Amino acid sequence: MKTSTESSPSLSFARICSLLLLLLGGGVFVGWLVESIPMVAVVPGFAPMQPNAALCFILCGAALLAGISGREQWTTALGALVGAIGWQLFPSIH
């Protein structure tokens, strides 16, 4: 039997967002592995998404899914990993 928190609209929205992040990041990451430009350039005519950004999308989706599932330690670890990747890339953007 589902409780009211298990079927709330915000929880469903969070699940959908986490799956979209996983699919988008995974699709772009696979695109880089198979060297498919249409898979890497999410919007035609725009710059392609970099592999590290695709990895961060995957990690953020996994962290959101872990948070929804009540696995706070995984959420913290995955969020810290995304932060570490961003911190490592920070010097290259300014």
C-alpha atoms as a PDB file:
ATOM      1  CA  MET A   1       0.000   0.000   0.000  1.00  0.00           C
ATOM      2  CA  LYS A   2       1.403   3.377  -0.992  1.00  0.00           C
ATOM      3  CA  THR A   3       1.549   6.199   1.482  1.00  0.00           C
ATOM      4  CA  SER A   4       0.788   9.774   0.487  1.00  0.00           C
ATOM      5  CA  THR A   5       4.495  10.626   0.267  1.00  0.00           C
ATOM      6  CA  GLU A   6       5.244   7.739  -2.108  1.00  0.00           C
ATOM      7  CA  SER A   7       2.759   8.963  -4.700  1.00  0.00           C
ATOM      8  CA  SER A   8       3.068  12.719  -4.328  1.00  0.00           C
ATOM      9  CA  PRO A   9       3.336  14.781  -7.532  1.00  0.00           C
ATOM     10  CA  SER A  10       6.674  16.269  -6.462  1.00  0.00           C
ATOM     11  CA  LEU A  11       8.140  12.806  -5.933  1.00  0.00           C
ATOM     12  CA  SER A  12       6.939  11.706  -9.354  1.00  0.00           C
ATOM     13  CA  PHE A  13       8.418  14.856 -10.883  1.00  0.00           C
ATOM     14  CA  ALA A  14      11.751  14.166  -9.167  1.00  0.00           C
ATOM     15  CA  ARG A  15      11.759  10.600 -10.507  1.00  0.00           C
ATOM     16  CA  ILE A  16      11.074  11.833 -14.040  1.00  0.00           C
ATOM     17  CA  CYS A  17      13.843  14.456 -13.767  1.00  0.00           C
ATOM     18  CA  SER A  18      16.343  11.907 -12.482  1.00  0.00           C
ATOM     19  CA  LEU A  19      15.548   9.528 -15.327  1.00  0.00           C
ATOM     20  CA  LEU A  20      15.829  12.337 -17.888  1.00  0.00           C
ATOM     21  CA  LEU A  21      19.234  13.301 -16.493  1.00  0.00           C
ATOM     22  CA  LEU A  22      20.387   9.689 -16.660  1.00  0.00           C
ATOM     23  CA  LEU A  23      19.095   9.246 -20.224  1.00  0.00           C
ATOM     24  CA  LEU A  24      20.513  12.518 -21.513  1.00  0.00           C
ATOM     25  CA  GLY A  25      23.918  12.029 -19.902  1.00  0.00           C
ATOM     26  CA  GLY A  26      24.042   8.365 -20.864  1.00  0.00           C
ATOM     27  CA  GLY A  27      23.052   9.068 -24.456  1.00  0.00           C
ATOM     28  CA  VAL A  28      25.693  11.756 -24.861  1.00  0.00           C
ATOM     29  CA  PHE A  29      28.327   9.599 -23.170  1.00  0.00           C
ATOM     30  CA  VAL A  30      27.542   6.714 -25.531  1.00  0.00           C
ATOM     31  CA  GLY A  31      27.678   9.206 -28.397  1.00  0.00           C
ATOM     32  CA  TRP A  32      31.242  10.082 -27.422  1.00  0.00           C
ATOM     33  CA  LEU A  33      32.187   6.401 -27.188  1.00  0.00           C
ATOM     34  CA  VAL A  34      30.843   5.600 -30.666  1.00  0.00           C
ATOM     35  CA  GLU A  35      31.903   9.008 -32.066  1.00  0.00           C
ATOM     36  CA  SER A  36      28.403   9.986 -33.191  1.00  0.00           C
ATOM     37  CA  ILE A  37      28.131  13.770 -33.643  1.00  0.00           C
ATOM     38  CA  PRO A  38      24.288  13.812 -33.653  1.00  0.00           C
ATOM     39  CA  MET A  39      24.256  12.061 -30.257  1.00  0.00           C
ATOM     40  CA  VAL A  40      26.851  14.422 -28.801  1.00  0.00           C
ATOM     41  CA  ALA A  41      25.313  17.682 -30.031  1.00  0.00           C
ATOM     42  CA  VAL A  42      22.082  17.718 -28.047  1.00  0.00           C
ATOM     43  CA  VAL A  43      20.720  20.676 -30.049  1.00  0.00           C
ATOM     44  CA  PRO A  44      21.696  20.744 -33.747  1.00  0.00           C
ATOM     45  CA  GLY A  45      23.950  23.696 -34.520  1.00  0.00           C
ATOM     46  CA  PHE A  46      25.064  24.128 -30.918  1.00  0.00           C
ATOM     47  CA  ALA A  47      28.392  23.098 -29.432  1.00  0.00           C
ATOM     48  CA  PRO A  48      28.549  19.425 -28.439  1.00  0.00           C
ATOM     49  CA  MET A  49      28.215  18.461 -24.804  1.00  0.00           C
ATOM     50  CA  GLN A  50      31.591  17.509 -23.368  1.00  0.00           C
ATOM     51  CA  PRO A  51      32.090  14.006 -21.901  1.00  0.00           C
ATOM     52  CA  ASN A  52      32.723  15.357 -18.399  1.00  0.00           C
ATOM     53  CA  ALA A  53      29.421  17.277 -18.534  1.00  0.00           C
ATOM     54  CA  ALA A  54      27.625  14.104 -19.639  1.00  0.00           C
ATOM     55  CA  LEU A  55      29.221  12.252 -16.732  1.00  0.00           C
ATOM     56  CA  CYS A  56      28.028  14.959 -14.338  1.00  0.00           C
ATOM     57  CA  PHE A  57      24.488  14.659 -15.744  1.00  0.00           C
ATOM     58  CA  ILE A  58      24.621  10.907 -15.041  1.00  0.00           C
ATOM     59  CA  LEU A  59      25.961  11.458 -11.524  1.00  0.00           C
ATOM     60  CA  CYS A  60      23.356  14.153 -10.760  1.00  0.00           C
ATOM     61  CA  GLY A  61      20.560  11.874 -11.971  1.00  0.00           C
ATOM     62  CA  ALA A  62      21.878   9.052  -9.829  1.00  0.00           C
ATOM     63  CA  ALA A  63      22.194  11.372  -6.810  1.00  0.00           C
ATOM     64  CA  LEU A  64      18.609  12.580  -7.242  1.00  0.00           C
ATOM     65  CA  LEU A  65      17.372   9.007  -7.559  1.00  0.00           C
ATOM     66  CA  ALA A  66      19.341   8.023  -4.455  1.00  0.00           C
ATOM     67  CA  GLY A  67      17.879  10.964  -2.546  1.00  0.00           C
ATOM     68  CA  ILE A  68      14.354   9.971  -3.509  1.00  0.00           C
ATOM     69  CA  SER A  69      15.065   6.411  -2.359  1.00  0.00           C
ATOM     70  CA  GLY A  70      16.252   7.607   1.049  1.00  0.00           C
ATOM     71  CA  ARG A  71      19.917   6.798   0.514  1.00  0.00           C
ATOM     72  CA  GLU A  72      21.367  10.024   1.851  1.00  0.00           C
ATOM     73  CA  GLN A  73      24.946   8.713   1.993  1.00  0.00           C
ATOM     74  CA  TRP A  74      24.894   7.922  -1.737  1.00  0.00           C
ATOM     75  CA  THR A  75      23.341  11.299  -2.467  1.00  0.00           C
ATOM     76  CA  THR A  76      26.110  13.052  -0.541  1.00  0.00           C
ATOM     77  CA  ALA A  77      28.871  10.984  -2.140  1.00  0.00           C
ATOM     78  CA  LEU A  78      27.594  11.482  -5.684  1.00  0.00           C
ATOM     79  CA  GLY A  79      27.023  15.195  -5.093  1.00  0.00           C
ATOM     80  CA  ALA A  80      30.556  15.533  -3.725  1.00  0.00           C
ATOM     81  CA  LEU A  81      31.901  13.756  -6.805  1.00  0.00           C
ATOM     82  CA  VAL A  82      30.055  16.187  -9.097  1.00  0.00           C
ATOM     83  CA  GLY A  83      31.428  19.062  -7.031  1.00  0.00           C
ATOM     84  CA  ALA A  84      34.961  17.676  -7.279  1.00  0.00           C
ATOM     85  CA  ILE A  85      34.679  17.383 -11.060  1.00  0.00           C
ATOM     86  CA  GLY A  86      33.404  20.956 -11.245  1.00  0.00           C
ATOM     87  CA  TRP A  87      36.175  22.177  -8.965  1.00  0.00           C
ATOM     88  CA  GLN A  88      38.779  20.454 -11.120  1.00  0.00           C
ATOM     89  CA  LEU A  89      37.348  22.110 -14.241  1.00  0.00           C
ATOM     90  CA  PHE A  90      36.972  25.576 -12.707  1.00  0.00           C
ATOM     91  CA  PRO A  91      40.452  26.876 -13.634  1.00  0.00           C
ATOM     92  CA  SER A  92      39.808  26.134 -17.314  1.00  0.00           C
ATOM     93  CA  ILE A  93      36.716  28.377 -17.577  1.00  0.00           C
ATOM     94  CA  HIS A  94      38.179  31.744 -16.579  1.00  0.00           C
END
